[in-house]
C-alpha cells in the first residue's frame, strides 16, 4: 500500500480522521496466518488488525495472539458469513471508518489495500471490490470456476445495471455506513455475491477497482466440484429471494 494514501487524503475525506481495520477471517490457517499479518503490518502500518478465528482446530489463534493481534474466536466453525459479521460488529463497536477483508490464505496482497480504500476516502463509493479481471493480470481461473464467475457477473451486472466483473472477490473495503449495515445484515454461506445485491437494494454506492492477487499460499480451498454446484444453486436462489423481498 502507498503509505501516504491516508495522510494525503485527509483534507478531502468524508471521515475527517479515518481509522482503518483489516479483518482477517481464518479457519485452520496456521500455515499462512503469520505471513498475512506481517504483510499487512509492512504494507499498511496505519491499519489495526483483527483476526476472527472461526473455530480453528489448529494453532491459528495461538499464532495471531502471540503476534499481538486482536483475535476473536468462535467456539465452533460458523462459516465465512458469520465470521465476517463478527468482524464488522467489532469494527462498528470500535468506531472504525473503514474495514478491509484480507483472507488468511495469502491470496489478498496488502500492498493493494491502498487501491481499495482510496475511493472510500475520496467519497466515491461506500463499498469497493477488488477485481482480478479489470486489468490484464495473471489470474486464470479453472474452466468451471471461470464459468461460475461469468454467470454471477452477468446476473449481478443486470441487477445493479452496471458492469461487475468479479462478484466472488472477498477482497473488498467497506465504509462506515456499510460496516453498520453488515454488522446487522450479512449473508451466511458464500456471501460475496449476495452481499452485492443486498447493498444495491439498500442504495449503497459500489465500485470495482483493479487489484493483483496471489495464489493460495497454504491449506486447501473448500470449494470442490460438488460444492461448486451447490454454491451456485444456493447463491442464485438467495439472490432471487432477496429481489422478491421488500
C-alpha atoms as a PDB file:
ATOM      1  CA  UNK A   1       0.000   0.000   0.000  1.00  0.00           C
ATOM      2  CA  UNK A   2       1.075   3.577  -0.633  1.00  0.00           C
ATOM      3  CA  UNK A   3       1.885   4.503   2.964  1.00  0.00           C
ATOM      4  CA  UNK A   4       0.859   8.117   2.358  1.00  0.00           C
ATOM      5  CA  UNK A   5      -2.583   7.367   0.921  1.00  0.00           C
ATOM      6  CA  UNK A   6      -4.470   8.133   4.124  1.00  0.00           C
ATOM      7  CA  UNK A   7      -2.313  11.082   5.139  1.00  0.00           C
ATOM      8  CA  UNK A   8      -2.523  12.778   1.723  1.00  0.00           C
ATOM      9  CA  UNK A   9      -6.282  12.358   1.549  1.00  0.00           C
ATOM     10  CA  UNK A  10      -7.335  13.511   4.999  1.00  0.00           C
ATOM     11  CA  UNK A  11      -8.195  17.002   3.778  1.00  0.00           C
ATOM     12  CA  UNK A  12     -10.838  15.587   1.403  1.00  0.00           C
ATOM     13  CA  UNK A  13     -12.073  12.553   3.320  1.00  0.00           C
ATOM     14  CA  UNK A  14     -15.698  12.479   4.476  1.00  0.00           C
ATOM     15  CA  UNK A  15     -14.450  10.800   7.659  1.00  0.00           C
ATOM     16  CA  UNK A  16     -12.190  13.597   8.916  1.00  0.00           C
ATOM     17  CA  UNK A  17      -9.608  11.376  10.620  1.00  0.00           C
ATOM     18  CA  UNK A  18     -10.049   7.915   9.072  1.00  0.00           C
ATOM     19  CA  UNK A  19      -9.410   4.791  11.104  1.00  0.00           C
ATOM     20  CA  UNK A  20      -8.855   1.563   9.186  1.00  0.00           C
ATOM     21  CA  UNK A  21      -9.381  -2.017  10.344  1.00  0.00           C
ATOM     22  CA  UNK A  22      -8.138  -5.038   8.419  1.00  0.00           C
ATOM     23  CA  UNK A  23     -10.368  -8.036   9.165  1.00  0.00           C
ATOM     24  CA  UNK A  24      -8.733 -11.428   8.598  1.00  0.00           C
ATOM     25  CA  UNK A  25     -11.255 -14.297   8.694  1.00  0.00           C
ATOM     26  CA  UNK A  26      -9.403 -17.522   9.439  1.00  0.00           C
ATOM     27  CA  UNK A  27     -10.206 -21.211   9.697  1.00  0.00           C
ATOM     28  CA  UNK A  28      -7.291 -23.631  10.123  1.00  0.00           C
ATOM     29  CA  UNK A  29      -4.771 -21.254   8.542  1.00  0.00           C
ATOM     30  CA  UNK A  30      -1.739 -21.883  10.764  1.00  0.00           C
ATOM     31  CA  UNK A  31       0.487 -22.225   7.673  1.00  0.00           C
ATOM     32  CA  UNK A  32      -0.182 -18.712   6.421  1.00  0.00           C
ATOM     33  CA  UNK A  33      -1.653 -16.517   9.168  1.00  0.00           C
ATOM     34  CA  UNK A  34       1.717 -15.179  10.371  1.00  0.00           C
ATOM     35  CA  UNK A  35       2.857 -14.155   6.884  1.00  0.00           C
ATOM     36  CA  UNK A  36      -0.500 -12.487   6.173  1.00  0.00           C
ATOM     37  CA  UNK A  37      -0.265 -10.466   9.382  1.00  0.00           C
ATOM     38  CA  UNK A  38       3.311  -9.446   8.579  1.00  0.00           C
ATOM     39  CA  UNK A  39       2.268  -8.452   5.058  1.00  0.00           C
ATOM     40  CA  UNK A  40      -0.431  -6.145   6.427  1.00  0.00           C
ATOM     41  CA  UNK A  41       1.892  -4.666   9.029  1.00  0.00           C
ATOM     42  CA  UNK A  42       4.573  -3.983   6.425  1.00  0.00           C
ATOM     43  CA  UNK A  43       2.376  -2.572   3.665  1.00  0.00           C
ATOM     44  CA  UNK A  44      -0.410  -0.982   5.715  1.00  0.00           C
ATOM     45  CA  UNK A  45       1.115   0.172   9.024  1.00  0.00           C
ATOM     46  CA  UNK A  46      -1.714   2.668   9.591  1.00  0.00           C
ATOM     47  CA  UNK A  47      -4.265  -0.126   9.951  1.00  0.00           C
ATOM     48  CA  UNK A  48      -5.322  -2.071  13.006  1.00  0.00           C
ATOM     49  CA  UNK A  49      -5.686  -5.816  12.513  1.00  0.00           C
ATOM     50  CA  UNK A  50      -8.409  -8.160  13.729  1.00  0.00           C
ATOM     51  CA  UNK A  51      -8.213 -11.921  13.234  1.00  0.00           C
ATOM     52  CA  UNK A  52     -11.590 -13.655  13.522  1.00  0.00           C
ATOM     53  CA  UNK A  53     -10.762 -17.285  14.236  1.00  0.00           C
ATOM     54  CA  UNK A  54     -13.720 -19.371  13.097  1.00  0.00           C
ATOM     55  CA  UNK A  55     -13.352 -22.330  15.430  1.00  0.00           C
ATOM     56  CA  UNK A  56      -9.992 -23.469  14.045  1.00  0.00           C
ATOM     57  CA  UNK A  57      -8.671 -26.792  15.274  1.00  0.00           C
ATOM     58  CA  UNK A  58      -5.051 -25.827  14.688  1.00  0.00           C
ATOM     59  CA  UNK A  59      -2.729 -23.106  16.009  1.00  0.00           C
ATOM     60  CA  UNK A  60      -4.267 -20.205  14.060  1.00  0.00           C
ATOM     61  CA  UNK A  61      -5.494 -18.296  17.128  1.00  0.00           C
ATOM     62  CA  UNK A  62      -2.383 -19.022  19.165  1.00  0.00           C
ATOM     63  CA  UNK A  63      -0.168 -17.620  16.402  1.00  0.00           C
ATOM     64  CA  UNK A  64      -2.175 -14.424  15.904  1.00  0.00           C
ATOM     65  CA  UNK A  65      -2.442 -13.800  19.634  1.00  0.00           C
ATOM     66  CA  UNK A  66       1.277 -14.431  20.003  1.00  0.00           C
ATOM     67  CA  UNK A  67       1.919 -11.734  17.403  1.00  0.00           C
ATOM     68  CA  UNK A  68      -0.055  -9.246  19.485  1.00  0.00           C
ATOM     69  CA  UNK A  69      -3.020  -9.097  17.124  1.00  0.00           C
ATOM     70  CA  UNK A  70      -6.588  -8.648  18.369  1.00  0.00           C
ATOM     71  CA  UNK A  71      -8.192 -12.079  17.993  1.00  0.00           C
ATOM     72  CA  UNK A  72     -11.819 -13.132  18.374  1.00  0.00           C
ATOM     73  CA  UNK A  73     -12.568 -16.864  18.396  1.00  0.00           C
ATOM     74  CA  UNK A  74     -15.835 -18.602  17.612  1.00  0.00           C
ATOM     75  CA  UNK A  75     -16.439 -21.662  19.804  1.00  0.00           C
ATOM     76  CA  UNK A  76     -17.001 -23.738  16.656  1.00  0.00           C
ATOM     77  CA  UNK A  77     -16.942 -23.254  12.887  1.00  0.00           C
ATOM     78  CA  UNK A  78     -19.765 -20.934  11.789  1.00  0.00           C
ATOM     79  CA  UNK A  79     -18.714 -20.161   8.210  1.00  0.00           C
ATOM     80  CA  UNK A  80     -17.337 -17.127   6.403  1.00  0.00           C
ATOM     81  CA  UNK A  81     -20.567 -15.115   6.620  1.00  0.00           C
ATOM     82  CA  UNK A  82     -20.771 -15.252  10.413  1.00  0.00           C
ATOM     83  CA  UNK A  83     -17.027 -14.727  10.656  1.00  0.00           C
ATOM     84  CA  UNK A  84     -17.098 -11.515   8.647  1.00  0.00           C
ATOM     85  CA  UNK A  85     -20.170 -10.296  10.502  1.00  0.00           C
ATOM     86  CA  UNK A  86     -18.258 -10.738  13.764  1.00  0.00           C
ATOM     87  CA  UNK A  87     -15.529  -8.565  12.266  1.00  0.00           C
ATOM     88  CA  UNK A  88     -17.997  -5.882  11.205  1.00  0.00           C
ATOM     89  CA  UNK A  89     -19.632  -5.866  14.635  1.00  0.00           C
ATOM     90  CA  UNK A  90     -16.194  -5.277  16.156  1.00  0.00           C
ATOM     91  CA  UNK A  91     -15.447  -2.522  13.612  1.00  0.00           C
ATOM     92  CA  UNK A  92     -18.718  -0.767  14.397  1.00  0.00           C
ATOM     93  CA  UNK A  93     -18.270  -1.122  18.157  1.00  0.00           C
ATOM     94  CA  UNK A  94     -14.759   0.342  17.974  1.00  0.00           C
ATOM     95  CA  UNK A  95     -15.778   3.194  15.665  1.00  0.00           C
ATOM     96  CA  UNK A  96     -13.688   2.380  12.585  1.00  0.00           C
ATOM     97  CA  UNK A  97     -14.279   4.415   9.432  1.00  0.00           C
ATOM     98  CA  UNK A  98     -13.286   1.661   7.017  1.00  0.00           C
ATOM     99  CA  UNK A  99     -12.803  -2.093   7.114  1.00  0.00           C
ATOM    100  CA  UNK A 100     -10.972  -4.255   4.589  1.00  0.00           C
ATOM    101  CA  UNK A 101     -11.331  -8.023   4.317  1.00  0.00           C
ATOM    102  CA  UNK A 102      -7.999  -9.786   3.814  1.00  0.00           C
ATOM    103  CA  UNK A 103      -8.257 -13.563   3.602  1.00  0.00           C
ATOM    104  CA  UNK A 104      -5.876 -15.631   5.722  1.00  0.00           C
ATOM    105  CA  UNK A 105      -4.716 -17.886   2.871  1.00  0.00           C
ATOM    106  CA  UNK A 106      -2.329 -15.305   1.406  1.00  0.00           C
ATOM    107  CA  UNK A 107      -4.248 -14.531  -1.792  1.00  0.00           C
ATOM    108  CA  UNK A 108      -5.055 -10.924  -0.878  1.00  0.00           C
ATOM    109  CA  UNK A 109      -1.973  -8.722  -1.111  1.00  0.00           C
ATOM    110  CA  UNK A 110      -1.703  -5.951   1.462  1.00  0.00           C
ATOM    111  CA  UNK A 111       0.139  -3.711  -0.998  1.00  0.00           C
ATOM    112  CA  UNK A 112      -3.164  -3.462  -2.879  1.00  0.00           C
ATOM    113  CA  UNK A 113      -5.186  -2.141   0.086  1.00  0.00           C
ATOM    114  CA  UNK A 114      -4.497   1.456  -0.914  1.00  0.00           C
ATOM    115  CA  UNK A 115      -6.399   0.889  -4.157  1.00  0.00           C
ATOM    116  CA  UNK A 116      -9.402  -0.318  -2.179  1.00  0.00           C
ATOM    117  CA  UNK A 117      -9.630   2.428   0.414  1.00  0.00           C
ATOM    118  CA  UNK A 118      -8.850   5.414  -1.807  1.00  0.00           C
ATOM    119  CA  UNK A 119     -12.403   5.600  -3.294  1.00  0.00           C
ATOM    120  CA  UNK A 120     -13.823   5.422   0.247  1.00  0.00           C
ATOM    121  CA  UNK A 121     -11.591   8.203   1.476  1.00  0.00           C
ATOM    122  CA  UNK A 122     -12.419  10.388  -1.506  1.00  0.00           C
ATOM    123  CA  UNK A 123     -16.164   9.775  -1.144  1.00  0.00           C
ATOM    124  CA  UNK A 124     -16.567   7.983  -4.483  1.00  0.00           C
ATOM    125  CA  UNK A 125     -18.129   4.833  -3.023  1.00  0.00           C
ATOM    126  CA  UNK A 126     -19.274   3.172   0.173  1.00  0.00           C
ATOM    127  CA  UNK A 127     -18.083  -0.312  -0.806  1.00  0.00           C
ATOM    128  CA  UNK A 128     -15.104  -1.087  -3.046  1.00  0.00           C
ATOM    129  CA  UNK A 129     -14.497  -4.532  -4.549  1.00  0.00           C
ATOM    130  CA  UNK A 130     -11.052  -5.613  -5.710  1.00  0.00           C
ATOM    131  CA  UNK A 131     -11.374  -7.187  -9.165  1.00  0.00           C
ATOM    132  CA  UNK A 132      -8.916  -9.626 -10.706  1.00  0.00           C
ATOM    133  CA  UNK A 133     -10.369  -9.014 -14.168  1.00  0.00           C
ATOM    134  CA  UNK A 134     -10.456  -5.242 -14.746  1.00  0.00           C
ATOM    135  CA  UNK A 135      -6.822  -5.187 -15.871  1.00  0.00           C
ATOM    136  CA  UNK A 136      -4.954  -7.796 -17.867  1.00  0.00           C
ATOM    137  CA  UNK A 137      -3.461  -9.672 -14.942  1.00  0.00           C
ATOM    138  CA  UNK A 138      -2.096 -13.147 -14.449  1.00  0.00           C
ATOM    139  CA  UNK A 139      -5.188 -14.647 -12.805  1.00  0.00           C
ATOM    140  CA  UNK A 140      -6.659 -17.510 -14.821  1.00  0.00           C
ATOM    141  CA  UNK A 141      -9.452 -19.434 -13.094  1.00  0.00           C
ATOM    142  CA  UNK A 142     -10.272 -23.034 -13.906  1.00  0.00           C
ATOM    143  CA  UNK A 143     -12.880 -23.616 -16.602  1.00  0.00           C
ATOM    144  CA  UNK A 144     -15.616 -24.472 -14.090  1.00  0.00           C
ATOM    145  CA  UNK A 145     -14.748 -21.632 -11.733  1.00  0.00           C
ATOM    146  CA  UNK A 146     -14.482 -19.181 -14.606  1.00  0.00           C
ATOM    147  CA  UNK A 147     -17.911 -20.216 -15.889  1.00  0.00           C
ATOM    148  CA  UNK A 148     -19.417 -19.684 -12.438  1.00  0.00           C
ATOM    149  CA  UNK A 149     -17.818 -16.267 -12.080  1.00  0.00           C
ATOM    150  CA  UNK A 150     -19.091 -15.302 -15.530  1.00  0.00           C
ATOM    151  CA  UNK A 151     -22.662 -16.363 -14.707  1.00  0.00           C
ATOM    152  CA  UNK A 152     -22.687 -14.480 -11.423  1.00  0.00           C
ATOM    153  CA  UNK A 153     -21.168 -11.399 -13.048  1.00  0.00           C
ATOM    154  CA  UNK A 154     -23.824 -11.327 -15.758  1.00  0.00           C
ATOM    155  CA  UNK A 155     -26.664 -11.685 -13.256  1.00  0.00           C
ATOM    156  CA  UNK A 156     -25.339  -9.147 -10.754  1.00  0.00           C
ATOM    157  CA  UNK A 157     -24.450  -6.691 -13.536  1.00  0.00           C
ATOM    158  CA  UNK A 158     -28.046  -6.893 -14.769  1.00  0.00           C
ATOM    159  CA  UNK A 159     -29.399  -6.298 -11.251  1.00  0.00           C
ATOM    160  CA  UNK A 160     -27.056  -3.406 -10.498  1.00  0.00           C
ATOM    161  CA  UNK A 161     -27.400  -2.059 -14.060  1.00  0.00           C
ATOM    162  CA  UNK A 162     -23.664  -1.631 -14.303  1.00  0.00           C
ATOM    163  CA  UNK A 163     -20.786  -3.918 -15.185  1.00  0.00           C
ATOM    164  CA  UNK A 164     -19.428  -6.052 -12.355  1.00  0.00           C
ATOM    165  CA  UNK A 165     -16.517  -8.336 -13.232  1.00  0.00           C
ATOM    166  CA  UNK A 166     -15.525 -10.125 -10.014  1.00  0.00           C
ATOM    167  CA  UNK A 167     -18.573 -10.832  -7.873  1.00  0.00           C
ATOM    168  CA  UNK A 168     -16.870 -13.622  -5.918  1.00  0.00           C
ATOM    169  CA  UNK A 169     -13.945 -11.485  -4.774  1.00  0.00           C
ATOM    170  CA  UNK A 170     -13.740 -11.244  -1.000  1.00  0.00           C
ATOM    171  CA  UNK A 171     -11.035  -8.587  -1.206  1.00  0.00           C
ATOM    172  CA  UNK A 172     -13.206  -5.558  -0.531  1.00  0.00           C
ATOM    173  CA  UNK A 173     -13.395  -2.425   1.580  1.00  0.00           C
ATOM    174  CA  UNK A 174     -16.425  -1.048   3.388  1.00  0.00           C
ATOM    175  CA  UNK A 175     -17.008   2.445   4.708  1.00  0.00           C
ATOM    176  CA  UNK A 176     -18.757   3.432   7.909  1.00  0.00           C
ATOM    177  CA  UNK A 177     -22.317   3.047   6.610  1.00  0.00           C
ATOM    178  CA  UNK A 178     -21.604  -0.361   5.078  1.00  0.00           C
ATOM    179  CA  UNK A 179     -19.903  -1.519   8.285  1.00  0.00           C
ATOM    180  CA  UNK A 180     -23.056  -0.646  10.211  1.00  0.00           C
ATOM    181  CA  UNK A 181     -25.228  -2.443   7.659  1.00  0.00           C
ATOM    182  CA  UNK A 182     -23.083  -5.587   7.581  1.00  0.00           C
ATOM    183  CA  UNK A 183     -22.953  -5.730  11.373  1.00  0.00           C
ATOM    184  CA  UNK A 184     -26.719  -6.396  11.252  1.00  0.00           C
ATOM    185  CA  UNK A 185     -27.307  -7.958   7.819  1.00  0.00           C
ATOM    186  CA  UNK A 186     -24.767 -10.304   6.248  1.00  0.00           C
ATOM    187  CA  UNK A 187     -25.370 -13.433   4.153  1.00  0.00           C
ATOM    188  CA  UNK A 188     -24.367 -16.775   5.654  1.00  0.00           C
ATOM    189  CA  UNK A 189     -22.614 -19.217   3.305  1.00  0.00           C
ATOM    190  CA  UNK A 190     -20.634 -17.921   0.303  1.00  0.00           C
ATOM    191  CA  UNK A 191     -21.753 -14.339   0.966  1.00  0.00           C
ATOM    192  CA  UNK A 192     -19.745 -12.303  -1.546  1.00  0.00           C
ATOM    193  CA  UNK A 193     -22.251 -12.362  -4.430  1.00  0.00           C
ATOM    194  CA  UNK A 194     -25.401 -11.996  -2.355  1.00  0.00           C
ATOM    195  CA  UNK A 195     -23.897  -9.133  -0.347  1.00  0.00           C
ATOM    196  CA  UNK A 196     -23.612  -7.036  -3.512  1.00  0.00           C
ATOM    197  CA  UNK A 197     -27.326  -7.491  -4.219  1.00  0.00           C
ATOM    198  CA  UNK A 198     -28.262  -6.576  -0.644  1.00  0.00           C
ATOM    199  CA  UNK A 199     -26.082  -3.467  -0.794  1.00  0.00           C
ATOM    200  CA  UNK A 200     -27.655  -2.410  -4.092  1.00  0.00           C
ATOM    201  CA  UNK A 201     -31.174  -2.812  -2.702  1.00  0.00           C
ATOM    202  CA  UNK A 202     -30.234  -0.526   0.207  1.00  0.00           C
ATOM    203  CA  UNK A 203     -28.845   2.121  -2.137  1.00  0.00           C
ATOM    204  CA  UNK A 204     -25.130   1.766  -1.382  1.00  0.00           C
ATOM    205  CA  UNK A 205     -22.608   3.047  -3.921  1.00  0.00           C
ATOM    206  CA  UNK A 206     -20.409   0.145  -5.070  1.00  0.00           C
ATOM    207  CA  UNK A 207     -17.433   0.277  -7.404  1.00  0.00           C
ATOM    208  CA  UNK A 208     -14.737  -2.136  -8.534  1.00  0.00           C
ATOM    209  CA  UNK A 209     -11.041  -1.344  -8.747  1.00  0.00           C
ATOM    210  CA  UNK A 210      -8.329  -3.477 -10.362  1.00  0.00           C
ATOM    211  CA  UNK A 211      -6.121  -5.399  -7.934  1.00  0.00           C
ATOM    212  CA  UNK A 212      -3.448  -8.047  -8.154  1.00  0.00           C
ATOM    213  CA  UNK A 213      -3.817 -11.206  -6.123  1.00  0.00           C
ATOM    214  CA  UNK A 214      -1.534 -14.130  -5.362  1.00  0.00           C
ATOM    215  CA  UNK A 215      -2.118 -17.863  -5.463  1.00  0.00           C
ATOM    216  CA  UNK A 216      -3.250 -19.511  -2.234  1.00  0.00           C
ATOM    217  CA  UNK A 217      -0.130 -19.797  -0.065  1.00  0.00           C
ATOM    218  CA  UNK A 218      -1.265 -22.708   2.081  1.00  0.00           C
ATOM    219  CA  UNK A 219      -4.098 -25.004   3.032  1.00  0.00           C
ATOM    220  CA  UNK A 220      -6.792 -26.200   0.657  1.00  0.00           C
ATOM    221  CA  UNK A 221      -9.804 -24.484  -0.818  1.00  0.00           C
ATOM    222  CA  UNK A 222     -13.137 -25.746   0.491  1.00  0.00           C
ATOM    223  CA  UNK A 223     -14.666 -25.329  -2.984  1.00  0.00           C
ATOM    224  CA  UNK A 224     -14.774 -28.792  -4.567  1.00  0.00           C
ATOM    225  CA  UNK A 225     -16.655 -29.524  -7.834  1.00  0.00           C
ATOM    226  CA  UNK A 226     -19.634 -30.818  -5.847  1.00  0.00           C
ATOM    227  CA  UNK A 227     -19.609 -27.819  -3.541  1.00  0.00           C
ATOM    228  CA  UNK A 228     -19.263 -25.523  -6.558  1.00  0.00           C
ATOM    229  CA  UNK A 229     -22.574 -26.790  -7.953  1.00  0.00           C
ATOM    230  CA  UNK A 230     -24.209 -26.468  -4.535  1.00  0.00           C
ATOM    231  CA  UNK A 231     -22.707 -22.986  -4.195  1.00  0.00           C
ATOM    232  CA  UNK A 232     -24.134 -21.765  -7.489  1.00  0.00           C
ATOM    233  CA  UNK A 233     -27.617 -23.101  -6.830  1.00  0.00           C
ATOM    234  CA  UNK A 234     -27.699 -21.768  -3.259  1.00  0.00           C
ATOM    235  CA  UNK A 235     -26.435 -18.306  -4.183  1.00  0.00           C
ATOM    236  CA  UNK A 236     -28.747 -17.947  -7.192  1.00  0.00           C
ATOM    237  CA  UNK A 237     -31.759 -18.911  -5.067  1.00  0.00           C
ATOM    238  CA  UNK A 238     -30.678 -16.480  -2.345  1.00  0.00           C
ATOM    239  CA  UNK A 239     -30.343 -13.662  -4.882  1.00  0.00           C
ATOM    240  CA  UNK A 240     -33.818 -14.219  -6.297  1.00  0.00           C
ATOM    241  CA  UNK A 241     -35.317 -14.416  -2.807  1.00  0.00           C
ATOM    242  CA  UNK A 242     -33.581 -11.133  -1.926  1.00  0.00           C
ATOM    243  CA  UNK A 243     -35.054  -9.497  -5.026  1.00  0.00           C
ATOM    244  CA  UNK A 244     -38.562 -10.607  -4.058  1.00  0.00           C
ATOM    245  CA  UNK A 245     -38.274  -9.196  -0.549  1.00  0.00           C
ATOM    246  CA  UNK A 246     -39.466  -5.653   0.072  1.00  0.00           C
END
